[in-house]
Amino acid sequence: MANTKQARKRARQAENHRLHNASQKSEMRTFIKNTRKAIASGDAKLAQAALAQATSKVDTLARKNIIHRNAAARYKSRLTARIKAIAK
């Protein structure tokens, strides 16, 4: 348990940041899930639009160090490859 006033404040801030980051990650996963659903439906245009949203969110979280930049690249790469496969 935090003993000083500063440590108590940092603990409060850390908890708030944790909750905010968790909600941001959840939103990112929802965008990725929507993109995967669009890919499964076979509609390339819908999948491309969903990918744009997902890519934007993934890039934002990577820039803010909420997710690792290599993880962001991996998500985008795999989704893009799947969309290219259905576009053929």
PDB file of N, CA and C in Angstrom:
ATOM      1  N   MET A   1       0.845  -1.184   0.000  1.00  0.00           N
ATOM      2  CA  MET A   1       0.000   0.000   0.000  1.00  0.00           C
ATOM      3  C   MET A   1       0.882   1.236   0.000  1.00  0.00           C
ATOM      4  N   ALA A   2       0.454   2.258  -0.733  1.00  0.00           N
ATOM      5  CA  ALA A   2       1.204   3.499  -0.815  1.00  0.00           C
ATOM      6  C   ALA A   2       1.162   4.233   0.531  1.00  0.00           C
ATOM      7  N   ASN A   3       2.316   4.752   0.945  1.00  0.00           N
ATOM      8  CA  ASN A   3       2.407   5.411   2.242  1.00  0.00           C
ATOM      9  C   ASN A   3       2.429   6.927   2.144  1.00  0.00           C
ATOM     10  N   THR A   4       3.010   7.462   1.091  1.00  0.00           N
ATOM     11  CA  THR A   4       3.105   8.918   0.974  1.00  0.00           C
ATOM     12  C   THR A   4       1.955   9.454   0.124  1.00  0.00           C
ATOM     13  N   LYS A   5       1.738  10.758   0.242  1.00  0.00           N
ATOM     14  CA  LYS A   5       0.684  11.403  -0.530  1.00  0.00           C
ATOM     15  C   LYS A   5       0.959  11.246  -2.025  1.00  0.00           C
ATOM     16  N   GLN A   6       2.218  11.418  -2.415  1.00  0.00           N
ATOM     17  CA  GLN A   6       2.596  11.290  -3.820  1.00  0.00           C
ATOM     18  C   GLN A   6       2.357   9.870  -4.332  1.00  0.00           C
ATOM     19  N   ALA A   7       2.707   8.890  -3.528  1.00  0.00           N
ATOM     20  CA  ALA A   7       2.525   7.494  -3.934  1.00  0.00           C
ATOM     21  C   ALA A   7       1.045   7.142  -4.059  1.00  0.00           C
ATOM     22  N   ARG A   8       0.213   7.690  -3.164  1.00  0.00           N
ATOM     23  CA  ARG A   8      -1.223   7.444  -3.253  1.00  0.00           C
ATOM     24  C   ARG A   8      -1.785   8.057  -4.539  1.00  0.00           C
ATOM     25  N   LYS A   9      -1.332   9.253  -4.871  1.00  0.00           N
ATOM     26  CA  LYS A   9      -1.790   9.902  -6.095  1.00  0.00           C
ATOM     27  C   LYS A   9      -1.367   9.095  -7.319  1.00  0.00           C
ATOM     28  N   ARG A  10      -0.122   8.638  -7.349  1.00  0.00           N
ATOM     29  CA  ARG A  10       0.367   7.855  -8.493  1.00  0.00           C
ATOM     30  C   ARG A  10      -0.424   6.548  -8.623  1.00  0.00           C
ATOM     31  N   ALA A  11      -0.795   5.950  -7.502  1.00  0.00           N
ATOM     32  CA  ALA A  11      -1.587   4.722  -7.538  1.00  0.00           C
ATOM     33  C   ALA A  11      -2.968   4.998  -8.131  1.00  0.00           C
ATOM     34  N   ARG A  12      -3.572   6.134  -7.748  1.00  0.00           N
ATOM     35  CA  ARG A  12      -4.864   6.527  -8.319  1.00  0.00           C
ATOM     36  C   ARG A  12      -4.741   6.752  -9.815  1.00  0.00           C
ATOM     37  N   GLN A  13      -3.707   7.484 -10.218  1.00  0.00           N
ATOM     38  CA  GLN A  13      -3.516   7.772 -11.638  1.00  0.00           C
ATOM     39  C   GLN A  13      -3.265   6.494 -12.434  1.00  0.00           C
ATOM     40  N   ALA A  14      -2.479   5.594 -11.876  1.00  0.00           N
ATOM     41  CA  ALA A  14      -2.173   4.340 -12.562  1.00  0.00           C
ATOM     42  C   ALA A  14      -3.452   3.530 -12.789  1.00  0.00           C
ATOM     43  N   GLU A  15      -4.323   3.517 -11.819  1.00  0.00           N
ATOM     44  CA  GLU A  15      -5.578   2.779 -11.961  1.00  0.00           C
ATOM     45  C   GLU A  15      -6.455   3.410 -13.041  1.00  0.00           C
ATOM     46  N   ASN A  16      -6.521   4.746 -13.061  1.00  0.00           N
ATOM     47  CA  ASN A  16      -7.303   5.428 -14.098  1.00  0.00           C
ATOM     48  C   ASN A  16      -6.736   5.164 -15.485  1.00  0.00           C
ATOM     49  N   HIS A  17      -5.422   5.213 -15.595  1.00  0.00           N
ATOM     50  CA  HIS A  17      -4.777   4.943 -16.884  1.00  0.00           C
ATOM     51  C   HIS A  17      -5.025   3.495 -17.310  1.00  0.00           C
ATOM     52  N   ARG A  18      -4.963   2.573 -16.372  1.00  0.00           N
ATOM     53  CA  ARG A  18      -5.193   1.167 -16.689  1.00  0.00           C
ATOM     54  C   ARG A  18      -6.601   0.960 -17.248  1.00  0.00           C
ATOM     55  N   LEU A  19      -7.583   1.576 -16.612  1.00  0.00           N
ATOM     56  CA  LEU A  19      -8.958   1.439 -17.072  1.00  0.00           C
ATOM     57  C   LEU A  19      -9.146   2.065 -18.457  1.00  0.00           C
ATOM     58  N   HIS A  20      -8.551   3.232 -18.660  1.00  0.00           N
ATOM     59  CA  HIS A  20      -8.668   3.900 -19.955  1.00  0.00           C
ATOM     60  C   HIS A  20      -8.008   3.066 -21.051  1.00  0.00           C
ATOM     61  N   ASN A  21      -6.794   2.565 -20.777  1.00  0.00           N
ATOM     62  CA  ASN A  21      -6.082   1.768 -21.767  1.00  0.00           C
ATOM     63  C   ASN A  21      -6.844   0.484 -22.081  1.00  0.00           C
ATOM     64  N   ALA A  22      -7.452  -0.126 -21.072  1.00  0.00           N
ATOM     65  CA  ALA A  22      -8.214  -1.346 -21.292  1.00  0.00           C
ATOM     66  C   ALA A  22      -9.399  -1.083 -22.209  1.00  0.00           C
ATOM     67  N   SER A  23     -10.067   0.045 -22.030  1.00  0.00           N
ATOM     68  CA  SER A  23     -11.211   0.359 -22.886  1.00  0.00           C
ATOM     69  C   SER A  23     -10.752   0.630 -24.314  1.00  0.00           C
ATOM     70  N   GLN A  24      -9.595   1.263 -24.465  1.00  0.00           N
ATOM     71  CA  GLN A  24      -9.056   1.528 -25.799  1.00  0.00           C
ATOM     72  C   GLN A  24      -8.690   0.225 -26.512  1.00  0.00           C
ATOM     73  N   LYS A  25      -8.079  -0.711 -25.777  1.00  0.00           N
ATOM     74  CA  LYS A  25      -7.734  -2.012 -26.364  1.00  0.00           C
ATOM     75  C   LYS A  25      -8.992  -2.771 -26.761  1.00  0.00           C
ATOM     76  N   SER A  26     -10.030  -2.680 -25.929  1.00  0.00           N
ATOM     77  CA  SER A  26     -11.286  -3.351 -26.228  1.00  0.00           C
ATOM     78  C   SER A  26     -11.899  -2.789 -27.506  1.00  0.00           C
ATOM     79  N   GLU A  27     -11.854  -1.473 -27.655  1.00  0.00           N
ATOM     80  CA  GLU A  27     -12.383  -0.835 -28.855  1.00  0.00           C
ATOM     81  C   GLU A  27     -11.603  -1.286 -30.087  1.00  0.00           C
ATOM     82  N   MET A  28     -10.281  -1.399 -29.949  1.00  0.00           N
ATOM     83  CA  MET A  28      -9.443  -1.864 -31.054  1.00  0.00           C
ATOM     84  C   MET A  28      -9.827  -3.291 -31.446  1.00  0.00           C
ATOM     85  N   ARG A  29     -10.005  -4.153 -30.450  1.00  0.00           N
ATOM     86  CA  ARG A  29     -10.377  -5.539 -30.737  1.00  0.00           C
ATOM     87  C   ARG A  29     -11.737  -5.615 -31.432  1.00  0.00           C
ATOM     88  N   THR A  30     -12.657  -4.716 -31.076  1.00  0.00           N
ATOM     89  CA  THR A  30     -13.971  -4.677 -31.723  1.00  0.00           C
ATOM     90  C   THR A  30     -13.817  -4.304 -33.189  1.00  0.00           C
ATOM     91  N   PHE A  31     -12.971  -3.307 -33.489  1.00  0.00           N
ATOM     92  CA  PHE A  31     -12.745  -2.918 -34.880  1.00  0.00           C
ATOM     93  C   PHE A  31     -12.133  -4.073 -35.672  1.00  0.00           C
ATOM     94  N   ILE A  32     -11.206  -4.781 -35.056  1.00  0.00           N
ATOM     95  CA  ILE A  32     -10.566  -5.921 -35.726  1.00  0.00           C
ATOM     96  C   ILE A  32     -11.597  -7.022 -35.973  1.00  0.00           C
ATOM     97  N   LYS A  33     -12.449  -7.266 -34.982  1.00  0.00           N
ATOM     98  CA  LYS A  33     -13.499  -8.278 -35.124  1.00  0.00           C
ATOM     99  C   LYS A  33     -14.453  -7.903 -36.252  1.00  0.00           C
ATOM    100  N   ASN A  34     -14.818  -6.623 -36.344  1.00  0.00           N
ATOM    101  CA  ASN A  34     -15.712  -6.167 -37.413  1.00  0.00           C
ATOM    102  C   ASN A  34     -15.062  -6.354 -38.780  1.00  0.00           C
ATOM    103  N   THR A  35     -13.759  -6.126 -38.846  1.00  0.00           N
ATOM    104  CA  THR A  35     -13.042  -6.329 -40.101  1.00  0.00           C
ATOM    105  C   THR A  35     -13.051  -7.805 -40.475  1.00  0.00           C
ATOM    106  N   ARG A  36     -12.826  -8.669 -39.515  1.00  0.00           N
ATOM    107  CA  ARG A  36     -12.841 -10.115 -39.786  1.00  0.00           C
ATOM    108  C   ARG A  36     -14.223 -10.577 -40.235  1.00  0.00           C
ATOM    109  N   LYS A  37     -15.277 -10.015 -39.652  1.00  0.00           N
ATOM    110  CA  LYS A  37     -16.635 -10.360 -40.078  1.00  0.00           C
ATOM    111  C   LYS A  37     -16.874  -9.914 -41.520  1.00  0.00           C
ATOM    112  N   ALA A  38     -16.398  -8.723 -41.863  1.00  0.00           N
ATOM    113  CA  ALA A  38     -16.561  -8.219 -43.225  1.00  0.00           C
ATOM    114  C   ALA A  38     -15.795  -9.105 -44.211  1.00  0.00           C
ATOM    115  N   ILE A  39     -14.627  -9.572 -43.810  1.00  0.00           N
ATOM    116  CA  ILE A  39     -13.844 -10.468 -44.663  1.00  0.00           C
ATOM    117  C   ILE A  39     -14.601 -11.784 -44.846  1.00  0.00           C
ATOM    118  N   ALA A  40     -15.168 -12.294 -43.761  1.00  0.00           N
ATOM    119  CA  ALA A  40     -15.909 -13.561 -43.823  1.00  0.00           C
ATOM    120  C   ALA A  40     -17.136 -13.455 -44.719  1.00  0.00           C
ATOM    121  N   SER A  41     -17.736 -12.265 -44.775  1.00  0.00           N
ATOM    122  CA  SER A  41     -18.907 -12.081 -45.631  1.00  0.00           C
ATOM    123  C   SER A  41     -18.529 -12.068 -47.107  1.00  0.00           C
ATOM    124  N   GLY A  42     -17.245 -11.813 -47.395  1.00  0.00           N
ATOM    125  CA  GLY A  42     -16.777 -11.826 -48.779  1.00  0.00           C
ATOM    126  C   GLY A  42     -16.921 -10.502 -49.500  1.00  0.00           C
ATOM    127  N   ASP A  43     -17.392  -9.476 -48.814  1.00  0.00           N
ATOM    128  CA  ASP A  43     -17.569  -8.157 -49.427  1.00  0.00           C
ATOM    129  C   ASP A  43     -16.270  -7.357 -49.285  1.00  0.00           C
ATOM    130  N   ALA A  44     -15.535  -7.223 -50.384  1.00  0.00           N
ATOM    131  CA  ALA A  44     -14.226  -6.571 -50.348  1.00  0.00           C
ATOM    132  C   ALA A  44     -14.335  -5.085 -49.995  1.00  0.00           C
ATOM    133  N   LYS A  45     -15.372  -4.416 -50.513  1.00  0.00           N
ATOM    134  CA  LYS A  45     -15.527  -2.977 -50.234  1.00  0.00           C
ATOM    135  C   LYS A  45     -15.810  -2.734 -48.753  1.00  0.00           C
ATOM    136  N   LEU A  46     -16.700  -3.532 -48.188  1.00  0.00           N
ATOM    137  CA  LEU A  46     -17.025  -3.411 -46.767  1.00  0.00           C
ATOM    138  C   LEU A  46     -15.804  -3.736 -45.911  1.00  0.00           C
ATOM    139  N   ALA A  47     -15.078  -4.774 -46.319  1.00  0.00           N
ATOM    140  CA  ALA A  47     -13.876  -5.166 -45.582  1.00  0.00           C
ATOM    141  C   ALA A  47     -12.825  -4.066 -45.633  1.00  0.00           C
ATOM    142  N   GLN A  48     -12.692  -3.412 -46.769  1.00  0.00           N
ATOM    143  CA  GLN A  48     -11.708  -2.330 -46.913  1.00  0.00           C
ATOM    144  C   GLN A  48     -12.069  -1.151 -46.007  1.00  0.00           C
ATOM    145  N   ALA A  49     -13.354  -0.835 -45.934  1.00  0.00           N
ATOM    146  CA  ALA A  49     -13.800   0.256 -45.063  1.00  0.00           C
ATOM    147  C   ALA A  49     -13.559  -0.089 -43.596  1.00  0.00           C
ATOM    148  N   ALA A  50     -13.844  -1.333 -43.228  1.00  0.00           N
ATOM    149  CA  ALA A  50     -13.618  -1.765 -41.849  1.00  0.00           C
ATOM    150  C   ALA A  50     -12.127  -1.764 -41.527  1.00  0.00           C
ATOM    151  N   LEU A  51     -11.313  -2.147 -42.506  1.00  0.00           N
ATOM    152  CA  LEU A  51      -9.862  -2.147 -42.303  1.00  0.00           C
ATOM    153  C   LEU A  51      -9.342  -0.733 -42.045  1.00  0.00           C
ATOM    154  N   ALA A  52      -9.889   0.241 -42.732  1.00  0.00           N
ATOM    155  CA  ALA A  52      -9.456   1.628 -42.537  1.00  0.00           C
ATOM    156  C   ALA A  52      -9.692   2.068 -41.093  1.00  0.00           C
ATOM    157  N   GLN A  53     -10.847   1.709 -40.555  1.00  0.00           N
ATOM    158  CA  GLN A  53     -11.147   2.055 -39.153  1.00  0.00           C
ATOM    159  C   GLN A  53     -10.204   1.332 -38.203  1.00  0.00           C
ATOM    160  N   ALA A  54     -10.027   0.043 -38.437  1.00  0.00           N
ATOM    161  CA  ALA A  54      -9.173  -0.752 -37.559  1.00  0.00           C
ATOM    162  C   ALA A  54      -7.730  -0.264 -37.608  1.00  0.00           C
ATOM    163  N   THR A  55      -7.242   0.033 -38.798  1.00  0.00           N
ATOM    164  CA  THR A  55      -5.868   0.504 -38.962  1.00  0.00           C
ATOM    165  C   THR A  55      -5.648   1.809 -38.223  1.00  0.00           C
ATOM    166  N   SER A  56      -6.615   2.702 -38.320  1.00  0.00           N
ATOM    167  CA  SER A  56      -6.505   3.985 -37.636  1.00  0.00           C
ATOM    168  C   SER A  56      -6.388   3.786 -36.126  1.00  0.00           C
ATOM    169  N   LYS A  57      -7.240   2.923 -35.578  1.00  0.00           N
ATOM    170  CA  LYS A  57      -7.232   2.686 -34.131  1.00  0.00           C
ATOM    171  C   LYS A  57      -5.942   1.992 -33.692  1.00  0.00           C
ATOM    172  N   VAL A  58      -5.505   1.007 -34.467  1.00  0.00           N
ATOM    173  CA  VAL A  58      -4.288   0.268 -34.136  1.00  0.00           C
ATOM    174  C   VAL A  58      -3.085   1.214 -34.157  1.00  0.00           C
ATOM    175  N   ASP A  59      -3.009   2.057 -35.184  1.00  0.00           N
ATOM    176  CA  ASP A  59      -1.890   3.013 -35.274  1.00  0.00           C
ATOM    177  C   ASP A  59      -1.889   3.985 -34.104  1.00  0.00           C
ATOM    178  N   THR A  60      -3.067   4.449 -33.717  1.00  0.00           N
ATOM    179  CA  THR A  60      -3.165   5.381 -32.593  1.00  0.00           C
ATOM    180  C   THR A  60      -2.660   4.740 -31.307  1.00  0.00           C
ATOM    181  N   LEU A  61      -3.063   3.503 -31.051  1.00  0.00           N
ATOM    182  CA  LEU A  61      -2.639   2.830 -29.822  1.00  0.00           C
ATOM    183  C   LEU A  61      -1.148   2.514 -29.841  1.00  0.00           C
ATOM    184  N   ALA A  62      -0.616   2.209 -31.015  1.00  0.00           N
ATOM    185  CA  ALA A  62       0.822   1.948 -31.116  1.00  0.00           C
ATOM    186  C   ALA A  62       1.605   3.235 -30.867  1.00  0.00           C
ATOM    187  N   ARG A  63       1.113   4.332 -31.397  1.00  0.00           N
ATOM    188  CA  ARG A  63       1.789   5.623 -31.218  1.00  0.00           C
ATOM    189  C   ARG A  63       1.797   6.036 -29.744  1.00  0.00           C
ATOM    190  N   LYS A  64       0.749   5.669 -29.014  1.00  0.00           N
ATOM    191  CA  LYS A  64       0.659   6.013 -27.595  1.00  0.00           C
ATOM    192  C   LYS A  64       1.269   4.944 -26.684  1.00  0.00           C
ATOM    193  N   ASN A  65       1.901   3.930 -27.280  1.00  0.00           N
ATOM    194  CA  ASN A  65       2.553   2.838 -26.547  1.00  0.00           C
ATOM    195  C   ASN A  65       1.578   2.033 -25.693  1.00  0.00           C
ATOM    196  N   ILE A  66       0.338   1.956 -26.113  1.00  0.00           N
ATOM    197  CA  ILE A  66      -0.623   1.117 -25.421  1.00  0.00           C
ATOM    198  C   ILE A  66      -0.468  -0.323 -25.914  1.00  0.00           C
ATOM    199  N   ILE A  67      -0.164  -0.470 -27.205  1.00  0.00           N
ATOM    200  CA  ILE A  67       0.237  -1.766 -27.738  1.00  0.00           C
ATOM    201  C   ILE A  67       1.604  -1.595 -28.391  1.00  0.00           C
ATOM    202  N   HIS A  68       2.333  -2.681 -28.543  1.00  0.00           N
ATOM    203  CA  HIS A  68       3.669  -2.622 -29.135  1.00  0.00           C
ATOM    204  C   HIS A  68       3.554  -2.360 -30.631  1.00  0.00           C
ATOM    205  N   ARG A  69       4.500  -1.626 -31.182  1.00  0.00           N
ATOM    206  CA  ARG A  69       4.433  -1.271 -32.601  1.00  0.00           C
ATOM    207  C   ARG A  69       4.520  -2.490 -33.504  1.00  0.00           C
ATOM    208  N   ASN A  70       5.233  -3.525 -33.067  1.00  0.00           N
ATOM    209  CA  ASN A  70       5.302  -4.748 -33.881  1.00  0.00           C
ATOM    210  C   ASN A  70       3.963  -5.485 -33.855  1.00  0.00           C
ATOM    211  N   ALA A  71       3.279  -5.442 -32.744  1.00  0.00           N
ATOM    212  CA  ALA A  71       1.947  -6.050 -32.659  1.00  0.00           C
ATOM    213  C   ALA A  71       0.991  -5.310 -33.590  1.00  0.00           C
ATOM    214  N   ALA A  72       1.090  -3.998 -33.622  1.00  0.00           N
ATOM    215  CA  ALA A  72       0.251  -3.193 -34.509  1.00  0.00           C
ATOM    216  C   ALA A  72       0.510  -3.566 -35.965  1.00  0.00           C
ATOM    217  N   ALA A  73       1.777  -3.691 -36.324  1.00  0.00           N
ATOM    218  CA  ALA A  73       2.142  -4.056 -37.693  1.00  0.00           C
ATOM    219  C   ALA A  73       1.610  -5.446 -38.038  1.00  0.00           C
ATOM    220  N   ARG A  74       1.664  -6.356 -37.078  1.00  0.00           N
ATOM    221  CA  ARG A  74       1.188  -7.720 -37.304  1.00  0.00           C
ATOM    222  C   ARG A  74      -0.320  -7.745 -37.545  1.00  0.00           C
ATOM    223  N   TYR A  75      -1.079  -7.015 -36.729  1.00  0.00           N
ATOM    224  CA  TYR A  75      -2.523  -6.950 -36.927  1.00  0.00           C
ATOM    225  C   TYR A  75      -2.857  -6.429 -38.318  1.00  0.00           C
ATOM    226  N   LYS A  76      -2.243  -5.308 -38.676  1.00  0.00           N
ATOM    227  CA  LYS A  76      -2.535  -4.681 -39.965  1.00  0.00           C
ATOM    228  C   LYS A  76      -2.136  -5.586 -41.126  1.00  0.00           C
ATOM    229  N   SER A  77      -0.980  -6.215 -41.021  1.00  0.00           N
ATOM    230  CA  SER A  77      -0.479  -7.072 -42.089  1.00  0.00           C
ATOM    231  C   SER A  77      -1.403  -8.264 -42.326  1.00  0.00           C
ATOM    232  N   ARG A  78      -1.819  -8.910 -41.266  1.00  0.00           N
ATOM    233  CA  ARG A  78      -2.659 -10.094 -41.407  1.00  0.00           C
ATOM    234  C   ARG A  78      -4.038  -9.753 -41.965  1.00  0.00           C
ATOM    235  N   LEU A  79      -4.608  -8.645 -41.498  1.00  0.00           N
ATOM    236  CA  LEU A  79      -5.912  -8.240 -42.016  1.00  0.00           C
ATOM    237  C   LEU A  79      -5.820  -7.849 -43.484  1.00  0.00           C
ATOM    238  N   THR A  80      -4.781  -7.124 -43.850  1.00  0.00           N
ATOM    239  CA  THR A  80      -4.589  -6.695 -45.232  1.00  0.00           C
ATOM    240  C   THR A  80      -4.409  -7.899 -46.144  1.00  0.00           C
ATOM    241  N   ALA A  81      -3.642  -8.883 -45.690  1.00  0.00           N
ATOM    242  CA  ALA A  81      -3.426 -10.087 -46.503  1.00  0.00           C
ATOM    243  C   ALA A  81      -4.741 -10.829 -46.731  1.00  0.00           C
ATOM    244  N   ARG A  82      -5.576 -10.895 -45.715  1.00  0.00           N
ATOM    245  CA  ARG A  82      -6.866 -11.565 -45.877  1.00  0.00           C
ATOM    246  C   ARG A  82      -7.764 -10.830 -46.848  1.00  0.00           C
ATOM    247  N   ILE A  83      -7.728  -9.499 -46.792  1.00  0.00           N
ATOM    248  CA  ILE A  83      -8.572  -8.711 -47.712  1.00  0.00           C
ATOM    249  C   ILE A  83      -8.080  -8.876 -49.149  1.00  0.00           C
ATOM    250  N   LYS A  84      -6.759  -8.879 -49.333  1.00  0.00           N
ATOM    251  CA  LYS A  84      -6.219  -9.083 -50.680  1.00  0.00           C
ATOM    252  C   LYS A  84      -6.617 -10.452 -51.219  1.00  0.00           C
ATOM    253  N   ALA A  85      -6.686 -11.454 -50.344  1.00  0.00           N
ATOM    254  CA  ALA A  85      -7.051 -12.798 -50.776  1.00  0.00           C
ATOM    255  C   ALA A  85      -8.499 -12.867 -51.259  1.00  0.00           C
ATOM    256  N   ILE A  86      -9.409 -12.140 -50.603  1.00  0.00           N
ATOM    257  CA  ILE A  86     -10.818 -12.190 -51.050  1.00  0.00           C
ATOM    258  C   ILE A  86     -11.054 -11.280 -52.243  1.00  0.00           C
ATOM    259  N   ALA A  87     -10.178 -10.305 -52.467  1.00  0.00           N
ATOM    260  CA  ALA A  87     -10.352  -9.378 -53.578  1.00  0.00           C
ATOM    261  C   ALA A  87     -10.020 -10.030 -54.919  1.00  0.00           C
ATOM    262  N   LYS A  88      -9.285 -11.135 -54.870  1.00  0.00           N
ATOM    263  CA  LYS A  88      -8.866 -11.792 -56.122  1.00  0.00           C
ATOM    264  C   LYS A  88      -9.999 -12.470 -56.821  1.00  0.00           C
TER     265      LYS A  88
END
